[in-house]
Amino acid sequence: MIVLNATPLIFLSRVQKLEYIIQLYDTIYLPLKVYEEVVIQGKKTQKLEANLIEEYINERKIIVKKVKIKEASYPNNLHQGEIEAIQLARDLQSKILIDDRSAYNFCKFLNLDVIRTIKVLIEICIHQIIDKSKLKNNIARLTNEGFWIGSDILARIEEFLIDF
């Protein structure tokens, strides 16, 4: 199982990789706030990924959970969706997929099993769910969709592709 925050959920759905995440982790969990941000607001603004994500929810491949924040010690620079995703990962003792640097660092501080979108795509490749050429194509598609990847990360991905 894995908990997803809004950004990875949006971009992985845009490049049609949610099914692969489910293959790797069995179940995707979303906090209610992330669902509201991505599906409810996304449908209002006619985002295509909102309908796809809603289909997965209806099929029970993605589970939406109401989250009760148990403490007030979350950093002020985190959004409510990030806070709920972190709390849900803590409650479920689950891996969390989150890209925002502050949220990622806070997850590390809490000793959560945290990864980012690029890492999960690499894991899918390592588990031979997709091959190297599809990984490279998916990373290109992510950047075309507006997902920012630093040049240092792109260089490390190229090294991985050569060595893998």
N, C-alpha and C. Protein backbone atom coordinates (compact mmCIF):
# COMPACT_ATOMS: atom_id res chain seq x y z
N MET A 1 0.84 -1.18 0.00
CA MET A 1 0.00 0.00 0.00
C MET A 1 0.88 1.24 0.00
N ILE A 2 0.30 2.31 -0.53
CA ILE A 2 1.02 3.57 -0.61
C ILE A 2 0.01 4.71 -0.53
N VAL A 3 0.42 5.80 0.11
CA VAL A 3 -0.38 7.02 0.20
C VAL A 3 0.17 8.00 -0.82
N LEU A 4 -0.72 8.61 -1.60
CA LEU A 4 -0.30 9.59 -2.59
C LEU A 4 -0.77 10.98 -2.23
N ASN A 5 0.10 11.93 -2.47
CA ASN A 5 -0.25 13.34 -2.37
C ASN A 5 -0.75 13.79 -3.75
N ALA A 6 -1.24 15.01 -3.83
CA ALA A 6 -1.89 15.50 -5.04
C ALA A 6 -0.98 15.54 -6.27
N THR A 7 0.21 16.11 -6.14
CA THR A 7 1.07 16.27 -7.32
C THR A 7 1.43 14.93 -7.96
N PRO A 8 1.92 13.94 -7.22
CA PRO A 8 2.20 12.65 -7.86
C PRO A 8 0.95 12.01 -8.46
N LEU A 9 -0.17 12.14 -7.76
CA LEU A 9 -1.42 11.57 -8.26
C LEU A 9 -1.80 12.18 -9.60
N ILE A 10 -1.73 13.49 -9.70
CA ILE A 10 -2.08 14.19 -10.94
C ILE A 10 -1.15 13.78 -12.07
N PHE A 11 0.15 13.87 -11.84
CA PHE A 11 1.09 13.62 -12.93
C PHE A 11 1.16 12.15 -13.32
N LEU A 12 1.06 11.24 -12.36
CA LEU A 12 1.06 9.82 -12.72
C LEU A 12 -0.19 9.43 -13.48
N SER A 13 -1.31 10.08 -13.17
CA SER A 13 -2.52 9.81 -13.94
C SER A 13 -2.41 10.40 -15.35
N ARG A 14 -1.77 11.56 -15.48
CA ARG A 14 -1.61 12.18 -16.80
C ARG A 14 -0.76 11.33 -17.73
N VAL A 15 0.20 10.59 -17.18
CA VAL A 15 1.03 9.72 -18.01
C VAL A 15 0.58 8.26 -17.93
N GLN A 16 -0.62 8.08 -17.41
CA GLN A 16 -1.28 6.76 -17.34
C GLN A 16 -0.42 5.70 -16.65
N LYS A 17 0.04 6.01 -15.44
CA LYS A 17 0.85 5.07 -14.69
C LYS A 17 0.21 4.65 -13.36
N LEU A 18 -1.00 5.07 -13.09
CA LEU A 18 -1.63 4.66 -11.82
C LEU A 18 -1.81 3.15 -11.75
N GLU A 19 -2.14 2.53 -12.85
CA GLU A 19 -2.32 1.07 -12.86
C GLU A 19 -1.02 0.37 -12.46
N TYR A 20 0.11 0.92 -12.90
CA TYR A 20 1.40 0.34 -12.55
C TYR A 20 1.72 0.53 -11.07
N ILE A 21 1.30 1.66 -10.52
CA ILE A 21 1.49 1.90 -9.08
C ILE A 21 0.68 0.88 -8.30
N ILE A 22 -0.52 0.60 -8.76
CA ILE A 22 -1.36 -0.40 -8.11
C ILE A 22 -0.72 -1.78 -8.21
N GLN A 23 -0.13 -2.11 -9.37
CA GLN A 23 0.56 -3.39 -9.51
C GLN A 23 1.70 -3.52 -8.51
N LEU A 24 2.39 -2.42 -8.29
CA LEU A 24 3.55 -2.43 -7.40
C LEU A 24 3.15 -2.43 -5.93
N TYR A 25 2.10 -1.68 -5.57
CA TYR A 25 1.75 -1.48 -4.16
C TYR A 25 0.38 -2.01 -3.76
N ASP A 26 -0.35 -2.62 -4.66
CA ASP A 26 -1.68 -3.20 -4.42
C ASP A 26 -2.78 -2.15 -4.27
N THR A 27 -2.62 -1.21 -3.35
CA THR A 27 -3.67 -0.24 -3.09
C THR A 27 -3.07 1.14 -2.93
N ILE A 28 -3.75 2.11 -3.51
CA ILE A 28 -3.38 3.52 -3.34
C ILE A 28 -4.38 4.12 -2.36
N TYR A 29 -3.86 4.84 -1.38
CA TYR A 29 -4.71 5.57 -0.44
C TYR A 29 -4.56 7.07 -0.68
N LEU A 30 -5.68 7.77 -0.57
CA LEU A 30 -5.69 9.22 -0.66
C LEU A 30 -6.39 9.78 0.56
N PRO A 31 -5.84 10.83 1.14
CA PRO A 31 -6.60 11.52 2.18
C PRO A 31 -7.74 12.30 1.51
N LEU A 32 -8.78 12.54 2.26
CA LEU A 32 -9.96 13.22 1.74
C LEU A 32 -9.61 14.56 1.09
N LYS A 33 -8.70 15.31 1.71
CA LYS A 33 -8.34 16.63 1.18
C LYS A 33 -7.71 16.52 -0.21
N VAL A 34 -6.88 15.51 -0.44
CA VAL A 34 -6.27 15.31 -1.75
C VAL A 34 -7.36 14.94 -2.77
N TYR A 35 -8.29 14.10 -2.36
CA TYR A 35 -9.42 13.76 -3.23
C TYR A 35 -10.19 15.02 -3.62
N GLU A 36 -10.47 15.87 -2.64
CA GLU A 36 -11.20 17.11 -2.92
C GLU A 36 -10.43 18.01 -3.88
N GLU A 37 -9.12 18.12 -3.66
CA GLU A 37 -8.28 18.96 -4.52
C GLU A 37 -8.23 18.44 -5.95
N VAL A 38 -8.03 17.15 -6.09
CA VAL A 38 -7.75 16.58 -7.40
C VAL A 38 -9.03 16.20 -8.15
N VAL A 39 -9.95 15.55 -7.49
CA VAL A 39 -11.14 15.06 -8.19
C VAL A 39 -12.25 16.11 -8.19
N ILE A 40 -12.67 16.56 -7.02
CA ILE A 40 -13.79 17.50 -6.94
C ILE A 40 -13.45 18.81 -7.67
N GLN A 41 -12.33 19.43 -7.29
CA GLN A 41 -11.93 20.67 -7.95
C GLN A 41 -11.52 20.43 -9.41
N GLY A 42 -10.89 19.28 -9.65
CA GLY A 42 -10.47 18.94 -11.02
C GLY A 42 -11.64 18.80 -11.97
N LYS A 43 -12.73 18.21 -11.51
CA LYS A 43 -13.91 18.08 -12.36
C LYS A 43 -14.54 19.45 -12.63
N LYS A 44 -14.49 20.33 -11.64
CA LYS A 44 -15.04 21.67 -11.84
C LYS A 44 -14.26 22.44 -12.91
N THR A 45 -12.97 22.18 -12.99
CA THR A 45 -12.13 22.86 -13.98
C THR A 45 -11.83 21.98 -15.19
N GLN A 46 -12.56 20.88 -15.31
CA GLN A 46 -12.50 19.97 -16.45
C GLN A 46 -11.11 19.38 -16.69
N LYS A 47 -10.44 18.98 -15.61
CA LYS A 47 -9.16 18.30 -15.73
C LYS A 47 -9.43 16.83 -16.06
N LEU A 48 -8.81 16.34 -17.11
CA LEU A 48 -9.07 14.97 -17.57
C LEU A 48 -8.70 13.93 -16.52
N GLU A 49 -7.64 14.19 -15.76
CA GLU A 49 -7.21 13.20 -14.77
C GLU A 49 -8.24 12.99 -13.67
N ALA A 50 -9.09 13.97 -13.42
CA ALA A 50 -10.09 13.86 -12.36
C ALA A 50 -11.03 12.69 -12.63
N ASN A 51 -11.45 12.53 -13.87
CA ASN A 51 -12.35 11.43 -14.22
C ASN A 51 -11.66 10.07 -14.11
N LEU A 52 -10.42 10.00 -14.55
CA LEU A 52 -9.67 8.74 -14.45
C LEU A 52 -9.48 8.33 -13.00
N ILE A 53 -9.11 9.27 -12.17
CA ILE A 53 -8.91 8.97 -10.75
C ILE A 53 -10.23 8.54 -10.11
N GLU A 54 -11.31 9.21 -10.49
CA GLU A 54 -12.62 8.83 -9.95
C GLU A 54 -13.00 7.40 -10.36
N GLU A 55 -12.64 6.99 -11.58
CA GLU A 55 -12.88 5.61 -12.01
C GLU A 55 -12.15 4.62 -11.10
N TYR A 56 -10.88 4.90 -10.80
CA TYR A 56 -10.11 4.03 -9.93
C TYR A 56 -10.72 3.98 -8.52
N ILE A 57 -11.24 5.10 -8.07
CA ILE A 57 -11.90 5.13 -6.76
C ILE A 57 -13.16 4.27 -6.80
N ASN A 58 -13.95 4.41 -7.85
CA ASN A 58 -15.16 3.61 -7.97
C ASN A 58 -14.86 2.12 -8.06
N GLU A 59 -13.72 1.77 -8.64
CA GLU A 59 -13.29 0.37 -8.74
C GLU A 59 -12.59 -0.11 -7.47
N ARG A 60 -12.46 0.77 -6.48
CA ARG A 60 -11.81 0.48 -5.20
C ARG A 60 -10.32 0.16 -5.34
N LYS A 61 -9.71 0.63 -6.42
CA LYS A 61 -8.26 0.53 -6.58
C LYS A 61 -7.57 1.67 -5.86
N ILE A 62 -8.30 2.76 -5.69
CA ILE A 62 -7.84 3.89 -4.89
C ILE A 62 -8.87 4.06 -3.78
N ILE A 63 -8.36 4.13 -2.55
CA ILE A 63 -9.22 4.26 -1.37
C ILE A 63 -9.06 5.66 -0.80
N VAL A 64 -10.17 6.35 -0.63
CA VAL A 64 -10.16 7.68 -0.02
C VAL A 64 -10.45 7.52 1.47
N LYS A 65 -9.63 8.13 2.29
CA LYS A 65 -9.79 8.03 3.75
C LYS A 65 -9.90 9.41 4.37
N LYS A 66 -10.86 9.54 5.28
CA LYS A 66 -10.94 10.75 6.08
C LYS A 66 -9.83 10.67 7.12
N VAL A 67 -9.13 11.77 7.31
CA VAL A 67 -7.97 11.78 8.19
C VAL A 67 -8.21 12.75 9.34
N LYS A 68 -7.89 12.28 10.52
CA LYS A 68 -7.94 13.16 11.69
C LYS A 68 -6.51 13.51 12.05
N ILE A 69 -6.22 14.80 12.02
CA ILE A 69 -4.88 15.27 12.37
C ILE A 69 -4.74 15.15 13.89
N LYS A 70 -3.72 14.43 14.30
CA LYS A 70 -3.59 14.08 15.72
C LYS A 70 -2.71 15.02 16.51
N GLU A 71 -2.03 15.91 15.83
CA GLU A 71 -1.17 16.84 16.55
C GLU A 71 -1.06 18.14 15.77
N ALA A 72 -0.67 19.17 16.42
CA ALA A 72 -0.59 20.48 15.78
C ALA A 72 0.85 20.84 15.40
N SER A 73 1.73 19.87 15.39
CA SER A 73 3.15 20.18 15.19
C SER A 73 3.60 20.05 13.74
N TYR A 74 2.70 20.19 12.80
CA TYR A 74 3.11 20.17 11.40
C TYR A 74 3.65 21.55 11.02
N PRO A 75 4.67 21.59 10.17
CA PRO A 75 5.23 22.88 9.76
C PRO A 75 4.18 23.75 9.06
N ASN A 76 4.30 25.05 9.24
CA ASN A 76 3.35 25.99 8.66
C ASN A 76 3.40 26.04 7.14
N ASN A 77 4.53 25.63 6.54
CA ASN A 77 4.66 25.74 5.09
C ASN A 77 4.06 24.56 4.33
N LEU A 78 3.43 23.62 5.03
CA LEU A 78 2.78 22.49 4.36
C LEU A 78 1.32 22.82 4.08
N HIS A 79 0.82 22.34 2.95
CA HIS A 79 -0.58 22.50 2.61
C HIS A 79 -1.40 21.44 3.35
N GLN A 80 -2.69 21.67 3.46
CA GLN A 80 -3.56 20.75 4.18
C GLN A 80 -3.54 19.34 3.57
N GLY A 81 -3.50 19.25 2.24
CA GLY A 81 -3.43 17.95 1.59
C GLY A 81 -2.16 17.20 1.95
N GLU A 82 -1.05 17.90 2.01
CA GLU A 82 0.23 17.28 2.40
C GLU A 82 0.17 16.81 3.85
N ILE A 83 -0.39 17.65 4.71
CA ILE A 83 -0.51 17.27 6.13
C ILE A 83 -1.36 16.02 6.27
N GLU A 84 -2.49 15.98 5.57
CA GLU A 84 -3.35 14.80 5.66
C GLU A 84 -2.67 13.57 5.07
N ALA A 85 -1.94 13.73 3.98
CA ALA A 85 -1.23 12.59 3.38
C ALA A 85 -0.19 12.05 4.35
N ILE A 86 0.54 12.94 4.99
CA ILE A 86 1.56 12.51 5.96
C ILE A 86 0.90 11.82 7.15
N GLN A 87 -0.17 12.40 7.65
CA GLN A 87 -0.86 11.78 8.79
C GLN A 87 -1.42 10.40 8.41
N LEU A 88 -1.98 10.29 7.21
CA LEU A 88 -2.52 9.00 6.76
C LEU A 88 -1.41 7.96 6.65
N ALA A 89 -0.26 8.35 6.10
CA ALA A 89 0.87 7.41 6.02
C ALA A 89 1.30 6.97 7.41
N ARG A 90 1.29 7.91 8.34
CA ARG A 90 1.63 7.56 9.73
C ARG A 90 0.60 6.60 10.31
N ASP A 91 -0.68 6.89 10.09
CA ASP A 91 -1.74 6.05 10.63
C ASP A 91 -1.69 4.63 10.05
N LEU A 92 -1.44 4.54 8.75
CA LEU A 92 -1.42 3.23 8.08
C LEU A 92 -0.05 2.55 8.14
N GLN A 93 0.94 3.27 8.64
CA GLN A 93 2.33 2.81 8.61
C GLN A 93 2.70 2.38 7.19
N SER A 94 2.44 3.30 6.29
CA SER A 94 2.55 3.04 4.87
C SER A 94 3.63 3.91 4.23
N LYS A 95 4.06 3.49 3.07
CA LYS A 95 4.93 4.30 2.23
C LYS A 95 4.12 5.50 1.75
N ILE A 96 4.79 6.61 1.52
CA ILE A 96 4.12 7.83 1.03
C ILE A 96 4.86 8.35 -0.18
N LEU A 97 4.10 8.78 -1.17
CA LEU A 97 4.64 9.36 -2.39
C LEU A 97 4.29 10.84 -2.38
N ILE A 98 5.32 11.67 -2.24
CA ILE A 98 5.13 13.11 -2.11
C ILE A 98 6.33 13.80 -2.74
N ASP A 99 6.10 14.87 -3.49
CA ASP A 99 7.18 15.52 -4.23
C ASP A 99 7.65 16.84 -3.63
N ASP A 100 6.78 17.58 -2.98
CA ASP A 100 7.16 18.87 -2.42
C ASP A 100 8.35 18.71 -1.49
N ARG A 101 9.37 19.53 -1.68
CA ARG A 101 10.62 19.39 -0.92
C ARG A 101 10.40 19.49 0.59
N SER A 102 9.63 20.49 1.03
CA SER A 102 9.40 20.67 2.47
C SER A 102 8.65 19.47 3.06
N ALA A 103 7.64 19.02 2.35
CA ALA A 103 6.86 17.86 2.82
C ALA A 103 7.72 16.60 2.81
N TYR A 104 8.52 16.43 1.76
CA TYR A 104 9.41 15.28 1.67
C TYR A 104 10.40 15.27 2.84
N ASN A 105 11.01 16.42 3.09
CA ASN A 105 11.97 16.52 4.20
C ASN A 105 11.31 16.27 5.55
N PHE A 106 10.09 16.74 5.72
CA PHE A 106 9.38 16.49 6.97
C PHE A 106 9.08 15.00 7.13
N CYS A 107 8.73 14.34 6.04
CA CYS A 107 8.52 12.88 6.09
C CYS A 107 9.81 12.17 6.51
N LYS A 108 10.93 12.61 5.95
CA LYS A 108 12.23 12.04 6.34
C LYS A 108 12.49 12.27 7.83
N PHE A 109 12.19 13.47 8.31
CA PHE A 109 12.34 13.80 9.72
C PHE A 109 11.52 12.85 10.60
N LEU A 110 10.32 12.48 10.11
CA LEU A 110 9.44 11.58 10.86
C LEU A 110 9.80 10.10 10.65
N ASN A 111 10.84 9.85 9.87
CA ASN A 111 11.27 8.48 9.54
C ASN A 111 10.20 7.70 8.79
N LEU A 112 9.43 8.39 7.97
CA LEU A 112 8.47 7.71 7.12
C LEU A 112 9.18 7.15 5.90
N ASP A 113 8.60 6.11 5.33
CA ASP A 113 9.11 5.53 4.09
C ASP A 113 8.56 6.38 2.95
N VAL A 114 9.34 7.37 2.53
CA VAL A 114 8.88 8.38 1.57
C VAL A 114 9.66 8.28 0.27
N ILE A 115 8.94 8.42 -0.84
CA ILE A 115 9.58 8.45 -2.16
C ILE A 115 8.94 9.56 -2.98
N ARG A 116 9.59 9.84 -4.09
CA ARG A 116 9.09 10.85 -5.03
C ARG A 116 8.66 10.18 -6.32
N THR A 117 7.99 10.94 -7.16
CA THR A 117 7.42 10.41 -8.41
C THR A 117 8.47 9.74 -9.29
N ILE A 118 9.61 10.38 -9.47
CA ILE A 118 10.65 9.79 -10.33
C ILE A 118 11.12 8.46 -9.76
N LYS A 119 11.30 8.40 -8.45
CA LYS A 119 11.76 7.16 -7.81
C LYS A 119 10.74 6.03 -8.00
N VAL A 120 9.46 6.34 -7.92
CA VAL A 120 8.46 5.29 -8.09
C VAL A 120 8.47 4.79 -9.54
N LEU A 121 8.70 5.67 -10.50
CA LEU A 121 8.81 5.22 -11.89
C LEU A 121 10.03 4.30 -12.06
N ILE A 122 11.12 4.64 -11.40
CA ILE A 122 12.31 3.79 -11.46
C ILE A 122 12.02 2.44 -10.80
N GLU A 123 11.30 2.44 -9.68
CA GLU A 123 10.93 1.17 -9.03
C GLU A 123 10.08 0.31 -9.96
N ILE A 124 9.19 0.93 -10.70
CA ILE A 124 8.37 0.19 -11.66
C ILE A 124 9.26 -0.46 -12.72
N CYS A 125 10.28 0.25 -13.14
CA CYS A 125 11.23 -0.29 -14.11
C CYS A 125 12.05 -1.42 -13.49
N ILE A 126 12.54 -1.22 -12.27
CA ILE A 126 13.33 -2.25 -11.59
C ILE A 126 12.52 -3.54 -11.43
N HIS A 127 11.24 -3.41 -11.15
CA HIS A 127 10.37 -4.58 -10.99
C HIS A 127 9.86 -5.10 -12.34
N GLN A 128 10.41 -4.58 -13.41
CA GLN A 128 10.15 -5.02 -14.79
C GLN A 128 8.68 -4.91 -15.17
N ILE A 129 8.00 -3.93 -14.61
CA ILE A 129 6.63 -3.64 -15.02
C ILE A 129 6.66 -2.80 -16.29
N ILE A 130 7.67 -1.92 -16.39
CA ILE A 130 7.95 -1.20 -17.64
C ILE A 130 9.44 -1.37 -17.93
N ASP A 131 9.81 -1.20 -19.19
CA ASP A 131 11.23 -1.33 -19.54
C ASP A 131 11.90 0.05 -19.57
N LYS A 132 13.21 0.05 -19.82
CA LYS A 132 14.00 1.29 -19.78
C LYS A 132 13.50 2.33 -20.78
N SER A 133 13.13 1.88 -21.96
CA SER A 133 12.68 2.84 -22.97
C SER A 133 11.36 3.49 -22.54
N LYS A 134 10.47 2.72 -21.92
CA LYS A 134 9.22 3.29 -21.43
C LYS A 134 9.46 4.22 -20.26
N LEU A 135 10.44 3.88 -19.42
CA LEU A 135 10.79 4.78 -18.31
C LEU A 135 11.24 6.13 -18.86
N LYS A 136 12.14 6.09 -19.83
CA LYS A 136 12.64 7.32 -20.42
C LYS A 136 11.50 8.11 -21.07
N ASN A 137 10.63 7.42 -21.77
CA ASN A 137 9.47 8.05 -22.40
C ASN A 137 8.54 8.67 -21.36
N ASN A 138 8.32 7.97 -20.26
CA ASN A 138 7.45 8.48 -19.21
C ASN A 138 8.02 9.72 -18.54
N ILE A 139 9.32 9.75 -18.37
CA ILE A 139 9.96 10.93 -17.78
C ILE A 139 9.84 12.11 -18.73
N ALA A 140 10.00 11.86 -20.01
CA ALA A 140 9.82 12.92 -21.01
C ALA A 140 8.38 13.42 -21.00
N ARG A 141 7.43 12.50 -20.90
CA ARG A 141 6.01 12.88 -20.85
C ARG A 141 5.71 13.71 -19.61
N LEU A 142 6.31 13.33 -18.48
CA LEU A 142 6.10 14.11 -17.26
C LEU A 142 6.56 15.55 -17.45
N THR A 143 7.75 15.71 -18.01
CA THR A 143 8.26 17.07 -18.20
C THR A 143 7.40 17.84 -19.21
N ASN A 144 6.90 17.15 -20.22
CA ASN A 144 6.00 17.80 -21.18
C ASN A 144 4.69 18.23 -20.53
N GLU A 145 4.29 17.54 -19.49
CA GLU A 145 3.06 17.88 -18.76
C GLU A 145 3.29 18.98 -17.73
N GLY A 146 4.55 19.41 -17.58
CA GLY A 146 4.84 20.50 -16.65
C GLY A 146 5.50 20.06 -15.36
N PHE A 147 5.84 18.79 -15.24
CA PHE A 147 6.52 18.28 -14.05
C PHE A 147 7.97 18.72 -14.12
N TRP A 148 8.45 19.41 -13.09
CA TRP A 148 9.81 19.93 -13.09
C TRP A 148 10.77 18.87 -12.58
N ILE A 149 11.84 18.65 -13.35
CA ILE A 149 12.90 17.73 -12.95
C ILE A 149 14.22 18.47 -13.15
N GLY A 150 15.00 18.56 -12.09
CA GLY A 150 16.28 19.26 -12.16
C GLY A 150 17.28 18.52 -13.04
N SER A 151 18.22 19.26 -13.58
CA SER A 151 19.22 18.67 -14.47
C SER A 151 20.07 17.63 -13.75
N ASP A 152 20.31 17.82 -12.45
CA ASP A 152 21.08 16.83 -11.68
C ASP A 152 20.32 15.51 -11.59
N ILE A 153 19.01 15.58 -11.44
CA ILE A 153 18.19 14.37 -11.37
C ILE A 153 18.15 13.69 -12.73
N LEU A 154 18.00 14.49 -13.78
CA LEU A 154 18.01 13.91 -15.13
C LEU A 154 19.32 13.20 -15.42
N ALA A 155 20.43 13.77 -14.96
CA ALA A 155 21.74 13.13 -15.16
C ALA A 155 21.81 11.80 -14.41
N ARG A 156 21.28 11.78 -13.19
CA ARG A 156 21.29 10.52 -12.42
C ARG A 156 20.38 9.47 -13.06
N ILE A 157 19.29 9.91 -13.66
CA ILE A 157 18.41 8.96 -14.36
C ILE A 157 19.13 8.37 -15.56
N GLU A 158 19.84 9.21 -16.29
CA GLU A 158 20.62 8.72 -17.45
C GLU A 158 21.65 7.70 -16.99
N GLU A 159 22.33 7.96 -15.88
CA GLU A 159 23.30 6.99 -15.33
C GLU A 159 22.61 5.69 -14.99
N PHE A 160 21.45 5.77 -14.34
CA PHE A 160 20.69 4.57 -14.00
C PHE A 160 20.35 3.78 -15.25
N LEU A 161 19.90 4.46 -16.28
CA LEU A 161 19.50 3.78 -17.52
C LEU A 161 20.67 3.10 -18.17
N ILE A 162 21.85 3.69 -18.10
CA ILE A 162 23.05 3.07 -18.67
C ILE A 162 23.47 1.86 -17.86
N ASP A 163 23.43 1.99 -16.53
CA ASP A 163 23.90 0.91 -15.65
C ASP A 163 22.90 -0.21 -15.45
N PHE A 164 21.64 0.04 -15.71
CA PHE A 164 20.59 -0.95 -15.41
C PHE A 164 20.56 -2.04 -16.43
